[in-house]
Amino acid sequence: MNKKGQALVEFVLILPIFVFMILATIDIGKIYYTKNRLENKLNDVIVMKENNKSLKEIKKNVHNDLKDTKIVINDKDEYLEFKLSKQIEIVTPGLNLIFKNPYNVEVKRVIYNE
C-alpha cells in the first residue's frame, strides 16, 4: 500500500471545512460587532434625548458616526421608540442559507416621553 499522498489527500478534503469555519467566524464577528456599536450608539441617542436635543440633531449625529445606518423614531402617545438598523453583507459561501444576505442588524428601545 502506497501512503505517500495520504496526508495531502486528507488535507485537501478538510481544507474547505476550515476555510468555511474561518469565514463564518469572521461574518458572525462582524454581525456581533455591528450590533454592539448600534447598542452603544442607541445609548448615546437616549442620553441626547434626555438632554433635550432635537430629533433632527439626533439623526444627524447618528449619520455622522455610523454611515449607512437607518434610524427610525416613532412617537407613540407617551412613548418614543428608537430603532437603529444596518445591513451586513455575508461573504461566506453557504452561510446565506442560515442568515439572509444582507443580514439586517436592528436594535430598538422604547422610552417614556415626558
PDB file of N, CA and C in Angstrom:
ATOM      1  N   MET A   1       0.847  -1.186   0.000  1.00  0.00           N
ATOM      2  CA  MET A   1       0.000   0.000   0.000  1.00  0.00           C
ATOM      3  C   MET A   1       0.889   1.244   0.000  1.00  0.00           C
ATOM      4  N   ASN A   2       0.593   2.195  -0.878  1.00  0.00           N
ATOM      5  CA  ASN A   2       1.382   3.413  -1.019  1.00  0.00           C
ATOM      6  C   ASN A   2       0.720   4.534  -0.219  1.00  0.00           C
ATOM      7  N   LYS A   3       1.442   5.079   0.787  1.00  0.00           N
ATOM      8  CA  LYS A   3       0.873   6.116   1.660  1.00  0.00           C
ATOM      9  C   LYS A   3       1.539   7.474   1.452  1.00  0.00           C
ATOM     10  N   LYS A   4       2.215   7.671   0.323  1.00  0.00           N
ATOM     11  CA  LYS A   4       2.924   8.932   0.092  1.00  0.00           C
ATOM     12  C   LYS A   4       1.981  10.129   0.063  1.00  0.00           C
ATOM     13  N   GLY A   5       0.856  10.022  -0.578  1.00  0.00           N
ATOM     14  CA  GLY A   5      -0.035  11.162  -0.743  1.00  0.00           C
ATOM     15  C   GLY A   5      -1.203  11.192   0.221  1.00  0.00           C
ATOM     16  N   GLN A   6      -1.192  10.320   1.228  1.00  0.00           N
ATOM     17  CA  GLN A   6      -2.332  10.235   2.143  1.00  0.00           C
ATOM     18  C   GLN A   6      -2.557  11.551   2.894  1.00  0.00           C
ATOM     19  N   ALA A   7      -1.503  12.143   3.422  1.00  0.00           N
ATOM     20  CA  ALA A   7      -1.642  13.394   4.179  1.00  0.00           C
ATOM     21  C   ALA A   7      -2.163  14.517   3.284  1.00  0.00           C
ATOM     22  N   LEU A   8      -1.674  14.568   2.057  1.00  0.00           N
ATOM     23  CA  LEU A   8      -2.119  15.605   1.127  1.00  0.00           C
ATOM     24  C   LEU A   8      -3.603  15.452   0.799  1.00  0.00           C
ATOM     25  N   VAL A   9      -4.038  14.228   0.573  1.00  0.00           N
ATOM     26  CA  VAL A   9      -5.449  13.977   0.265  1.00  0.00           C
ATOM     27  C   VAL A   9      -6.328  14.346   1.455  1.00  0.00           C
ATOM     28  N   GLU A  10      -5.906  13.975   2.660  1.00  0.00           N
ATOM     29  CA  GLU A  10      -6.681  14.324   3.859  1.00  0.00           C
ATOM     30  C   GLU A  10      -6.757  15.841   4.032  1.00  0.00           C
ATOM     31  N   PHE A  11      -5.641  16.523   3.787  1.00  0.00           N
ATOM     32  CA  PHE A  11      -5.621  17.980   3.905  1.00  0.00           C
ATOM     33  C   PHE A  11      -6.568  18.623   2.896  1.00  0.00           C
ATOM     34  N   VAL A  12      -6.545  18.146   1.665  1.00  0.00           N
ATOM     35  CA  VAL A  12      -7.409  18.698   0.620  1.00  0.00           C
ATOM     36  C   VAL A  12      -8.878  18.449   0.947  1.00  0.00           C
ATOM     37  N   LEU A  13      -9.179  17.329   1.592  1.00  0.00           N
ATOM     38  CA  LEU A  13     -10.568  17.044   1.967  1.00  0.00           C
ATOM     39  C   LEU A  13     -11.054  17.935   3.109  1.00  0.00           C
ATOM     40  N   ILE A  14     -10.166  18.285   4.029  1.00  0.00           N
ATOM     41  CA  ILE A  14     -10.539  19.068   5.211  1.00  0.00           C
ATOM     42  C   ILE A  14     -10.443  20.576   4.961  1.00  0.00           C
ATOM     43  N   LEU A  15      -9.634  21.001   3.999  1.00  0.00           N
ATOM     44  CA  LEU A  15      -9.404  22.431   3.750  1.00  0.00           C
ATOM     45  C   LEU A  15     -10.688  23.242   3.546  1.00  0.00           C
ATOM     46  N   PRO A  16     -11.659  22.817   2.743  1.00  0.00           N
ATOM     47  CA  PRO A  16     -12.877  23.628   2.584  1.00  0.00           C
ATOM     48  C   PRO A  16     -13.646  23.829   3.893  1.00  0.00           C
ATOM     49  N   ILE A  17     -13.613  22.829   4.756  1.00  0.00           N
ATOM     50  CA  ILE A  17     -14.299  22.960   6.049  1.00  0.00           C
ATOM     51  C   ILE A  17     -13.603  24.020   6.901  1.00  0.00           C
ATOM     52  N   PHE A  18     -12.272  24.003   6.932  1.00  0.00           N
ATOM     53  CA  PHE A  18     -11.531  25.013   7.692  1.00  0.00           C
ATOM     54  C   PHE A  18     -11.773  26.417   7.144  1.00  0.00           C
ATOM     55  N   VAL A  19     -11.745  26.556   5.828  1.00  0.00           N
ATOM     56  CA  VAL A  19     -11.979  27.869   5.213  1.00  0.00           C
ATOM     57  C   VAL A  19     -13.387  28.357   5.541  1.00  0.00           C
ATOM     58  N   PHE A  20     -14.383  27.467   5.458  1.00  0.00           N
ATOM     59  CA  PHE A  20     -15.758  27.837   5.799  1.00  0.00           C
ATOM     60  C   PHE A  20     -15.849  28.295   7.250  1.00  0.00           C
ATOM     61  N   MET A  21     -15.214  27.556   8.162  1.00  0.00           N
ATOM     62  CA  MET A  21     -15.278  27.914   9.583  1.00  0.00           C
ATOM     63  C   MET A  21     -14.622  29.268   9.847  1.00  0.00           C
ATOM     64  N   ILE A  22     -13.500  29.538   9.198  1.00  0.00           N
ATOM     65  CA  ILE A  22     -12.816  30.819   9.402  1.00  0.00           C
ATOM     66  C   ILE A  22     -13.662  31.970   8.864  1.00  0.00           C
ATOM     67  N   LEU A  23     -14.183  31.831   7.644  1.00  0.00           N
ATOM     68  CA  LEU A  23     -15.009  32.900   7.069  1.00  0.00           C
ATOM     69  C   LEU A  23     -16.311  33.092   7.849  1.00  0.00           C
ATOM     70  N   ALA A  24     -16.920  31.995   8.311  1.00  0.00           N
ATOM     71  CA  ALA A  24     -18.149  32.102   9.098  1.00  0.00           C
ATOM     72  C   ALA A  24     -17.876  32.814  10.419  1.00  0.00           C
ATOM     73  N   THR A  25     -16.733  32.534  11.037  1.00  0.00           N
ATOM     74  CA  THR A  25     -16.368  33.211  12.282  1.00  0.00           C
ATOM     75  C   THR A  25     -16.201  34.709  12.047  1.00  0.00           C
ATOM     76  N   ILE A  26     -15.604  35.077  10.932  1.00  0.00           N
ATOM     77  CA  ILE A  26     -15.435  36.498  10.606  1.00  0.00           C
ATOM     78  C   ILE A  26     -16.797  37.161  10.391  1.00  0.00           C
ATOM     79  N   ASP A  27     -17.688  36.511   9.645  1.00  0.00           N
ATOM     80  CA  ASP A  27     -19.018  37.085   9.398  1.00  0.00           C
ATOM     81  C   ASP A  27     -19.819  37.235  10.686  1.00  0.00           C
ATOM     82  N   ILE A  28     -19.813  36.219  11.523  1.00  0.00           N
ATOM     83  CA  ILE A  28     -20.560  36.295  12.786  1.00  0.00           C
ATOM     84  C   ILE A  28     -19.944  37.356  13.693  1.00  0.00           C
ATOM     85  N   GLY A  29     -18.624  37.488  13.653  1.00  0.00           N
ATOM     86  CA  GLY A  29     -17.957  38.551  14.410  1.00  0.00           C
ATOM     87  C   GLY A  29     -18.363  39.933  13.930  1.00  0.00           C
ATOM     88  N   LYS A  30     -18.498  40.105  12.597  1.00  0.00           N
ATOM     89  CA  LYS A  30     -18.956  41.395  12.054  1.00  0.00           C
ATOM     90  C   LYS A  30     -20.371  41.713  12.520  1.00  0.00           C
ATOM     91  N   ILE A  31     -21.223  40.703  12.544  1.00  0.00           N
ATOM     92  CA  ILE A  31     -22.601  40.910  12.997  1.00  0.00           C
ATOM     93  C   ILE A  31     -22.616  41.315  14.467  1.00  0.00           C
ATOM     94  N   TYR A  32     -21.859  40.605  15.296  1.00  0.00           N
ATOM     95  CA  TYR A  32     -21.807  40.905  16.727  1.00  0.00           C
ATOM     96  C   TYR A  32     -21.223  42.303  16.965  1.00  0.00           C
ATOM     97  N   TYR A  33     -20.147  42.640  16.248  1.00  0.00           N
ATOM     98  CA  TYR A  33     -19.518  43.951  16.390  1.00  0.00           C
ATOM     99  C   TYR A  33     -20.481  45.072  15.998  1.00  0.00           C
ATOM    100  N   THR A  34     -21.201  44.878  14.899  1.00  0.00           N
ATOM    101  CA  THR A  34     -22.156  45.889  14.443  1.00  0.00           C
ATOM    102  C   THR A  34     -23.288  46.056  15.447  1.00  0.00           C
ATOM    103  N   LYS A  35     -23.793  44.953  15.984  1.00  0.00           N
ATOM    104  CA  LYS A  35     -24.866  45.033  16.983  1.00  0.00           C
ATOM    105  C   LYS A  35     -24.379  45.778  18.225  1.00  0.00           C
ATOM    106  N   ASN A  36     -23.150  45.515  18.637  1.00  0.00           N
ATOM    107  CA  ASN A  36     -22.579  46.193  19.793  1.00  0.00           C
ATOM    108  C   ASN A  36     -22.445  47.693  19.536  1.00  0.00           C
ATOM    109  N   ARG A  37     -21.974  48.076  18.346  1.00  0.00           N
ATOM    110  CA  ARG A  37     -21.862  49.504  18.005  1.00  0.00           C
ATOM    111  C   ARG A  37     -23.228  50.179  17.976  1.00  0.00           C
ATOM    112  N   LEU A  38     -24.233  49.486  17.427  1.00  0.00           N
ATOM    113  CA  LEU A  38     -25.583  50.062  17.385  1.00  0.00           C
ATOM    114  C   LEU A  38     -26.152  50.223  18.795  1.00  0.00           C
ATOM    115  N   GLU A  39     -25.919  49.238  19.661  1.00  0.00           N
ATOM    116  CA  GLU A  39     -26.390  49.349  21.054  1.00  0.00           C
ATOM    117  C   GLU A  39     -25.741  50.544  21.746  1.00  0.00           C
ATOM    118  N   ASN A  40     -24.440  50.713  21.559  1.00  0.00           N
ATOM    119  CA  ASN A  40     -23.751  51.848  22.180  1.00  0.00           C
ATOM    120  C   ASN A  40     -24.264  53.178  21.635  1.00  0.00           C
ATOM    121  N   LYS A  41     -24.487  53.237  20.329  1.00  0.00           N
ATOM    122  CA  LYS A  41     -25.000  54.475  19.735  1.00  0.00           C
ATOM    123  C   LYS A  41     -26.416  54.749  20.211  1.00  0.00           C
ATOM    124  N   LEU A  42     -27.202  53.701  20.391  1.00  0.00           N
ATOM    125  CA  LEU A  42     -28.563  53.884  20.888  1.00  0.00           C
ATOM    126  C   LEU A  42     -28.550  54.424  22.316  1.00  0.00           C
ATOM    127  N   ASN A  43     -27.596  53.987  23.124  1.00  0.00           N
ATOM    128  CA  ASN A  43     -27.443  54.571  24.463  1.00  0.00           C
ATOM    129  C   ASN A  43     -27.141  56.063  24.363  1.00  0.00           C
ATOM    130  N   ASP A  44     -26.262  56.441  23.423  1.00  0.00           N
ATOM    131  CA  ASP A  44     -25.954  57.860  23.214  1.00  0.00           C
ATOM    132  C   ASP A  44     -27.191  58.632  22.766  1.00  0.00           C
ATOM    133  N   VAL A  45     -27.993  58.023  21.902  1.00  0.00           N
ATOM    134  CA  VAL A  45     -29.217  58.668  21.415  1.00  0.00           C
ATOM    135  C   VAL A  45     -30.175  58.924  22.575  1.00  0.00           C
ATOM    136  N   ILE A  46     -30.326  57.957  23.458  1.00  0.00           N
ATOM    137  CA  ILE A  46     -31.219  58.116  24.612  1.00  0.00           C
ATOM    138  C   ILE A  46     -30.717  59.244  25.513  1.00  0.00           C
ATOM    139  N   VAL A  47     -29.413  59.297  25.742  1.00  0.00           N
ATOM    140  CA  VAL A  47     -28.844  60.372  26.566  1.00  0.00           C
ATOM    141  C   VAL A  47     -29.064  61.728  25.895  1.00  0.00           C
ATOM    142  N   MET A  48     -28.883  61.785  24.579  1.00  0.00           N
ATOM    143  CA  MET A  48     -29.121  63.044  23.863  1.00  0.00           C
ATOM    144  C   MET A  48     -30.578  63.474  23.992  1.00  0.00           C
ATOM    145  N   LYS A  49     -31.496  62.539  23.903  1.00  0.00           N
ATOM    146  CA  LYS A  49     -32.925  62.863  24.040  1.00  0.00           C
ATOM    147  C   LYS A  49     -33.226  63.355  25.454  1.00  0.00           C
ATOM    148  N   GLU A  50     -32.605  62.713  26.451  1.00  0.00           N
ATOM    149  CA  GLU A  50     -32.804  63.147  27.837  1.00  0.00           C
ATOM    150  C   GLU A  50     -32.229  64.537  28.074  1.00  0.00           C
ATOM    151  N   ASN A  51     -31.234  64.920  27.277  1.00  0.00           N
ATOM    152  CA  ASN A  51     -30.644  66.258  27.378  1.00  0.00           C
ATOM    153  C   ASN A  51     -31.332  67.256  26.452  1.00  0.00           C
ATOM    154  N   ASN A  52     -32.545  66.922  26.020  1.00  0.00           N
ATOM    155  CA  ASN A  52     -33.409  67.800  25.222  1.00  0.00           C
ATOM    156  C   ASN A  52     -32.823  68.203  23.868  1.00  0.00           C
ATOM    157  N   LYS A  53     -32.094  67.310  23.238  1.00  0.00           N
ATOM    158  CA  LYS A  53     -31.646  67.555  21.864  1.00  0.00           C
ATOM    159  C   LYS A  53     -32.817  67.294  20.925  1.00  0.00           C
ATOM    160  N   SER A  54     -32.845  68.004  19.825  1.00  0.00           N
ATOM    161  CA  SER A  54     -33.935  67.817  18.866  1.00  0.00           C
ATOM    162  C   SER A  54     -33.737  66.499  18.109  1.00  0.00           C
ATOM    163  N   LEU A  55     -34.831  66.000  17.549  1.00  0.00           N
ATOM    164  CA  LEU A  55     -34.760  64.751  16.801  1.00  0.00           C
ATOM    165  C   LEU A  55     -33.891  64.910  15.556  1.00  0.00           C
ATOM    166  N   LYS A  56     -33.886  66.101  14.985  1.00  0.00           N
ATOM    167  CA  LYS A  56     -33.044  66.364  13.815  1.00  0.00           C
ATOM    168  C   LYS A  56     -31.561  66.283  14.185  1.00  0.00           C
ATOM    169  N   GLU A  57     -31.200  66.842  15.334  1.00  0.00           N
ATOM    170  CA  GLU A  57     -29.813  66.768  15.802  1.00  0.00           C
ATOM    171  C   GLU A  57     -29.406  65.325  16.093  1.00  0.00           C
ATOM    172  N   ILE A  58     -30.329  64.567  16.659  1.00  0.00           N
ATOM    173  CA  ILE A  58     -30.049  63.164  16.977  1.00  0.00           C
ATOM    174  C   ILE A  58     -29.790  62.377  15.698  1.00  0.00           C
ATOM    175  N   LYS A  59     -30.643  62.559  14.697  1.00  0.00           N
ATOM    176  CA  LYS A  59     -30.463  61.846  13.427  1.00  0.00           C
ATOM    177  C   LYS A  59     -29.146  62.238  12.759  1.00  0.00           C
ATOM    178  N   LYS A  60     -28.808  63.519  12.801  1.00  0.00           N
ATOM    179  CA  LYS A  60     -27.561  63.979  12.199  1.00  0.00           C
ATOM    180  C   LYS A  60     -26.363  63.349  12.901  1.00  0.00           C
ATOM    181  N   ASN A  61     -26.421  63.279  14.220  1.00  0.00           N
ATOM    182  CA  ASN A  61     -25.334  62.678  14.988  1.00  0.00           C
ATOM    183  C   ASN A  61     -25.155  61.202  14.636  1.00  0.00           C
ATOM    184  N   VAL A  62     -26.252  60.481  14.503  1.00  0.00           N
ATOM    185  CA  VAL A  62     -26.178  59.056  14.164  1.00  0.00           C
ATOM    186  C   VAL A  62     -25.561  58.872  12.785  1.00  0.00           C
ATOM    187  N   HIS A  63     -25.998  59.662  11.814  1.00  0.00           N
ATOM    188  CA  HIS A  63     -25.486  59.515  10.452  1.00  0.00           C
ATOM    189  C   HIS A  63     -24.026  59.950  10.332  1.00  0.00           C
ATOM    190  N   ASN A  64     -23.585  60.872  11.189  1.00  0.00           N
ATOM    191  CA  ASN A  64     -22.177  61.270  11.172  1.00  0.00           C
ATOM    192  C   ASN A  64     -21.282  60.171  11.727  1.00  0.00           C
ATOM    193  N   ASP A  65     -21.749  59.479  12.759  1.00  0.00           N
ATOM    194  CA  ASP A  65     -20.930  58.451  13.407  1.00  0.00           C
ATOM    195  C   ASP A  65     -21.007  57.097  12.715  1.00  0.00           C
ATOM    196  N   LEU A  66     -22.186  56.708  12.294  1.00  0.00           N
ATOM    197  CA  LEU A  66     -22.383  55.386  11.690  1.00  0.00           C
ATOM    198  C   LEU A  66     -22.952  55.550  10.289  1.00  0.00           C
ATOM    199  N   LYS A  67     -22.120  55.404   9.311  1.00  0.00           N
ATOM    200  CA  LYS A  67     -22.562  55.534   7.918  1.00  0.00           C
ATOM    201  C   LYS A  67     -23.490  54.374   7.560  1.00  0.00           C
ATOM    202  N   ASP A  68     -24.409  54.612   6.661  1.00  0.00           N
ATOM    203  CA  ASP A  68     -25.362  53.597   6.171  1.00  0.00           C
ATOM    204  C   ASP A  68     -26.226  53.002   7.279  1.00  0.00           C
ATOM    205  N   THR A  69     -26.447  53.765   8.335  1.00  0.00           N
ATOM    206  CA  THR A  69     -27.301  53.300   9.427  1.00  0.00           C
ATOM    207  C   THR A  69     -28.653  53.981   9.322  1.00  0.00           C
ATOM    208  N   LYS A  70     -29.687  53.193   9.420  1.00  0.00           N
ATOM    209  CA  LYS A  70     -31.052  53.721   9.343  1.00  0.00           C
ATOM    210  C   LYS A  70     -31.553  53.970  10.760  1.00  0.00           C
ATOM    211  N   ILE A  71     -32.102  55.149  10.987  1.00  0.00           N
ATOM    212  CA  ILE A  71     -32.690  55.470  12.289  1.00  0.00           C
ATOM    213  C   ILE A  71     -34.162  55.783  12.079  1.00  0.00           C
ATOM    214  N   VAL A  72     -34.993  55.184  12.917  1.00  0.00           N
ATOM    215  CA  VAL A  72     -36.435  55.418  12.880  1.00  0.00           C
ATOM    216  C   VAL A  72     -36.855  55.827  14.280  1.00  0.00           C
ATOM    217  N   ILE A  73     -37.583  56.939  14.366  1.00  0.00           N
ATOM    218  CA  ILE A  73     -38.091  57.422  15.649  1.00  0.00           C
ATOM    219  C   ILE A  73     -39.602  57.504  15.536  1.00  0.00           C
ATOM    220  N   ASN A  74     -40.291  56.694  16.320  1.00  0.00           N
ATOM    221  CA  ASN A  74     -41.757  56.673  16.320  1.00  0.00           C
ATOM    222  C   ASN A  74     -42.274  57.293  17.605  1.00  0.00           C
ATOM    223  N   ASP A  75     -43.221  58.201  17.461  1.00  0.00           N
ATOM    224  CA  ASP A  75     -43.861  58.834  18.612  1.00  0.00           C
ATOM    225  C   ASP A  75     -45.189  58.127  18.850  1.00  0.00           C
ATOM    226  N   LYS A  76     -45.240  57.327  19.908  1.00  0.00           N
ATOM    227  CA  LYS A  76     -46.454  56.575  20.230  1.00  0.00           C
ATOM    228  C   LYS A  76     -47.024  57.099  21.545  1.00  0.00           C
ATOM    229  N   ASP A  77     -47.958  58.019  21.445  1.00  0.00           N
ATOM    230  CA  ASP A  77     -48.607  58.627  22.609  1.00  0.00           C
ATOM    231  C   ASP A  77     -47.574  59.138  23.603  1.00  0.00           C
ATOM    232  N   GLU A  78     -47.412  58.447  24.720  1.00  0.00           N
ATOM    233  CA  GLU A  78     -46.497  58.905  25.768  1.00  0.00           C
ATOM    234  C   GLU A  78     -45.088  58.342  25.598  1.00  0.00           C
ATOM    235  N   TYR A  79     -44.869  57.537  24.583  1.00  0.00           N
ATOM    236  CA  TYR A  79     -43.595  56.838  24.436  1.00  0.00           C
ATOM    237  C   TYR A  79     -42.907  57.202  23.129  1.00  0.00           C
ATOM    238  N   LEU A  80     -41.593  57.147  23.158  1.00  0.00           N
ATOM    239  CA  LEU A  80     -40.781  57.305  21.952  1.00  0.00           C
ATOM    240  C   LEU A  80     -40.060  55.985  21.702  1.00  0.00           C
ATOM    241  N   GLU A  81     -40.160  55.509  20.472  1.00  0.00           N
ATOM    242  CA  GLU A  81     -39.471  54.277  20.101  1.00  0.00           C
ATOM    243  C   GLU A  81     -38.330  54.634  19.153  1.00  0.00           C
ATOM    244  N   PHE A  82     -37.130  54.209  19.502  1.00  0.00           N
ATOM    245  CA  PHE A  82     -35.945  54.446  18.687  1.00  0.00           C
ATOM    246  C   PHE A  82     -35.488  53.117  18.103  1.00  0.00           C
ATOM    247  N   LYS A  83     -35.246  53.095  16.797  1.00  0.00           N
ATOM    248  CA  LYS A  83     -34.725  51.901  16.125  1.00  0.00           C
ATOM    249  C   LYS A  83     -33.513  52.296  15.295  1.00  0.00           C
ATOM    250  N   LEU A  84     -32.446  51.562  15.472  1.00  0.00           N
ATOM    251  CA  LEU A  84     -31.269  51.711  14.622  1.00  0.00           C
ATOM    252  C   LEU A  84     -31.067  50.393  13.893  1.00  0.00           C
ATOM    253  N   SER A  85     -30.808  50.455  12.602  1.00  0.00           N
ATOM    254  CA  SER A  85     -30.572  49.219  11.854  1.00  0.00           C
ATOM    255  C   SER A  85     -29.506  49.440  10.793  1.00  0.00           C
ATOM    256  N   LYS A  86     -28.804  48.372  10.507  1.00  0.00           N
ATOM    257  CA  LYS A  86     -27.749  48.403   9.495  1.00  0.00           C
ATOM    258  C   LYS A  86     -27.686  47.035   8.841  1.00  0.00           C
ATOM    259  N   GLN A  87     -27.395  47.021   7.549  1.00  0.00           N
ATOM    260  CA  GLN A  87     -27.298  45.756   6.829  1.00  0.00           C
ATOM    261  C   GLN A  87     -25.837  45.349   6.684  1.00  0.00           C
ATOM    262  N   ILE A  88     -25.590  44.053   6.905  1.00  0.00           N
ATOM    263  CA  ILE A  88     -24.251  43.483   6.826  1.00  0.00           C
ATOM    264  C   ILE A  88     -24.223  42.471   5.687  1.00  0.00           C
ATOM    265  N   GLU A  89     -23.230  42.586   4.815  1.00  0.00           N
ATOM    266  CA  GLU A  89     -23.066  41.618   3.732  1.00  0.00           C
ATOM    267  C   GLU A  89     -22.394  40.355   4.273  1.00  0.00           C
ATOM    268  N   ILE A  90     -22.979  39.215   3.971  1.00  0.00           N
ATOM    269  CA  ILE A  90     -22.409  37.924   4.344  1.00  0.00           C
ATOM    270  C   ILE A  90     -21.496  37.484   3.199  1.00  0.00           C
ATOM    271  N   VAL A  91     -20.209  37.231   3.491  1.00  0.00           N
ATOM    272  CA  VAL A  91     -19.266  36.851   2.443  1.00  0.00           C
ATOM    273  C   VAL A  91     -19.017  35.348   2.389  1.00  0.00           C
ATOM    274  N   THR A  92     -19.380  34.634   3.438  1.00  0.00           N
ATOM    275  CA  THR A  92     -19.130  33.196   3.480  1.00  0.00           C
ATOM    276  C   THR A  92     -20.102  32.457   2.570  1.00  0.00           C
ATOM    277  N   PRO A  93     -19.584  31.704   1.602  1.00  0.00           N
ATOM    278  CA  PRO A  93     -20.478  30.916   0.753  1.00  0.00           C
ATOM    279  C   PRO A  93     -21.216  29.871   1.586  1.00  0.00           C
ATOM    280  N   GLY A  94     -22.514  29.790   1.414  1.00  0.00           N
ATOM    281  CA  GLY A  94     -23.310  28.817   2.153  1.00  0.00           C
ATOM    282  C   GLY A  94     -23.886  29.351   3.446  1.00  0.00           C
ATOM    283  N   LEU A  95     -23.265  30.367   4.023  1.00  0.00           N
ATOM    284  CA  LEU A  95     -23.787  30.918   5.275  1.00  0.00           C
ATOM    285  C   LEU A  95     -25.066  31.700   5.030  1.00  0.00           C
ATOM    286  N   ASN A  96     -25.264  32.134   3.782  1.00  0.00           N
ATOM    287  CA  ASN A  96     -26.501  32.848   3.458  1.00  0.00           C
ATOM    288  C   ASN A  96     -27.706  31.908   3.477  1.00  0.00           C
ATOM    289  N   LEU A  97     -27.480  30.606   3.580  1.00  0.00           N
ATOM    290  CA  LEU A  97     -28.589  29.673   3.769  1.00  0.00           C
ATOM    291  C   LEU A  97     -29.096  29.722   5.208  1.00  0.00           C
ATOM    292  N   ILE A  98     -28.227  30.120   6.128  1.00  0.00           N
ATOM    293  CA  ILE A  98     -28.597  30.239   7.543  1.00  0.00           C
ATOM    294  C   ILE A  98     -29.064  31.662   7.843  1.00  0.00           C
ATOM    295  N   PHE A  99     -28.287  32.643   7.398  1.00  0.00           N
ATOM    296  CA  PHE A  99     -28.620  34.055   7.575  1.00  0.00           C
ATOM    297  C   PHE A  99     -29.021  34.626   6.223  1.00  0.00           C
ATOM    298  N   LYS A 100     -29.968  35.551   6.229  1.00  0.00           N
ATOM    299  CA  LYS A 100     -30.319  36.229   4.983  1.00  0.00           C
ATOM    300  C   LYS A 100     -29.163  37.127   4.564  1.00  0.00           C
ATOM    301  N   ASN A 101     -28.964  37.266   3.277  1.00  0.00           N
ATOM    302  CA  ASN A 101     -27.912  38.141   2.779  1.00  0.00           C
ATOM    303  C   ASN A 101     -28.551  39.271   1.980  1.00  0.00           C
ATOM    304  N   PRO A 102     -28.410  40.519   2.371  1.00  0.00           N
ATOM    305  CA  PRO A 102     -27.662  41.037   3.506  1.00  0.00           C
ATOM    306  C   PRO A 102     -28.428  40.827   4.817  1.00  0.00           C
ATOM    307  N   TYR A 103     -27.669  40.633   5.880  1.00  0.00           N
ATOM    308  CA  TYR A 103     -28.248  40.400   7.201  1.00  0.00           C
ATOM    309  C   TYR A 103     -28.555  41.746   7.846  1.00  0.00           C
ATOM    310  N   ASN A 104     -29.773  41.907   8.347  1.00  0.00           N
ATOM    311  CA  ASN A 104     -30.200  43.166   8.951  1.00  0.00           C
ATOM    312  C   ASN A 104     -30.008  43.098  10.469  1.00  0.00           C
ATOM    313  N   VAL A 105     -29.143  43.968  10.983  1.00  0.00           N
ATOM    314  CA  VAL A 105     -28.913  44.063  12.424  1.00  0.00           C
ATOM    315  C   VAL A 105     -29.753  45.227  12.926  1.00  0.00           C
ATOM    316  N   GLU A 106     -30.604  44.977  13.928  1.00  0.00           N
ATOM    317  CA  GLU A 106     -31.511  46.020  14.420  1.00  0.00           C
ATOM    318  C   GLU A 106     -31.533  46.020  15.941  1.00  0.00           C
ATOM    319  N   VAL A 107     -31.492  47.214  16.496  1.00  0.00           N
ATOM    320  CA  VAL A 107     -31.659  47.395  17.939  1.00  0.00           C
ATOM    321  C   VAL A 107     -32.771  48.410  18.147  1.00  0.00           C
ATOM    322  N   LYS A 108     -33.485  48.258  19.260  1.00  0.00           N
ATOM    323  CA  LYS A 108     -34.608  49.176  19.496  1.00  0.00           C
ATOM    324  C   LYS A 108     -34.792  49.399  20.988  1.00  0.00           C
ATOM    325  N   ARG A 109     -35.245  50.608  21.317  1.00  0.00           N
ATOM    326  CA  ARG A 109     -35.561  50.977  22.698  1.00  0.00           C
ATOM    327  C   ARG A 109     -36.825  51.810  22.699  1.00  0.00           C
ATOM    328  N   VAL A 110     -37.570  51.681  23.774  1.00  0.00           N
ATOM    329  CA  VAL A 110     -38.764  52.496  23.982  1.00  0.00           C
ATOM    330  C   VAL A 110     -38.570  53.237  25.296  1.00  0.00           C
ATOM    331  N   ILE A 111     -38.752  54.565  25.245  1.00  0.00           N
ATOM    332  CA  ILE A 111     -38.612  55.371  26.458  1.00  0.00           C
ATOM    333  C   ILE A 111     -39.882  56.187  26.663  1.00  0.00           C
ATOM    334  N   TYR A 112     -40.081  56.584  27.893  1.00  0.00           N
ATOM    335  CA  TYR A 112     -41.217  57.435  28.241  1.00  0.00           C
ATOM    336  C   TYR A 112     -40.911  58.855  27.792  1.00  0.00           C
ATOM    337  N   ASN A 113     -41.841  59.458  27.065  1.00  0.00           N
ATOM    338  CA  ASN A 113     -41.670  60.810  26.547  1.00  0.00           C
ATOM    339  C   ASN A 113     -42.352  61.792  27.488  1.00  0.00           C
ATOM    340  N   GLU A 114     -41.554  62.528  28.225  1.00  0.00           N
ATOM    341  CA  GLU A 114     -42.113  63.471  29.204  1.00  0.00           C
ATOM    342  C   GLU A 114     -42.445  64.791  28.569  1.00  0.00           C
TER     343      GLU A 114
END
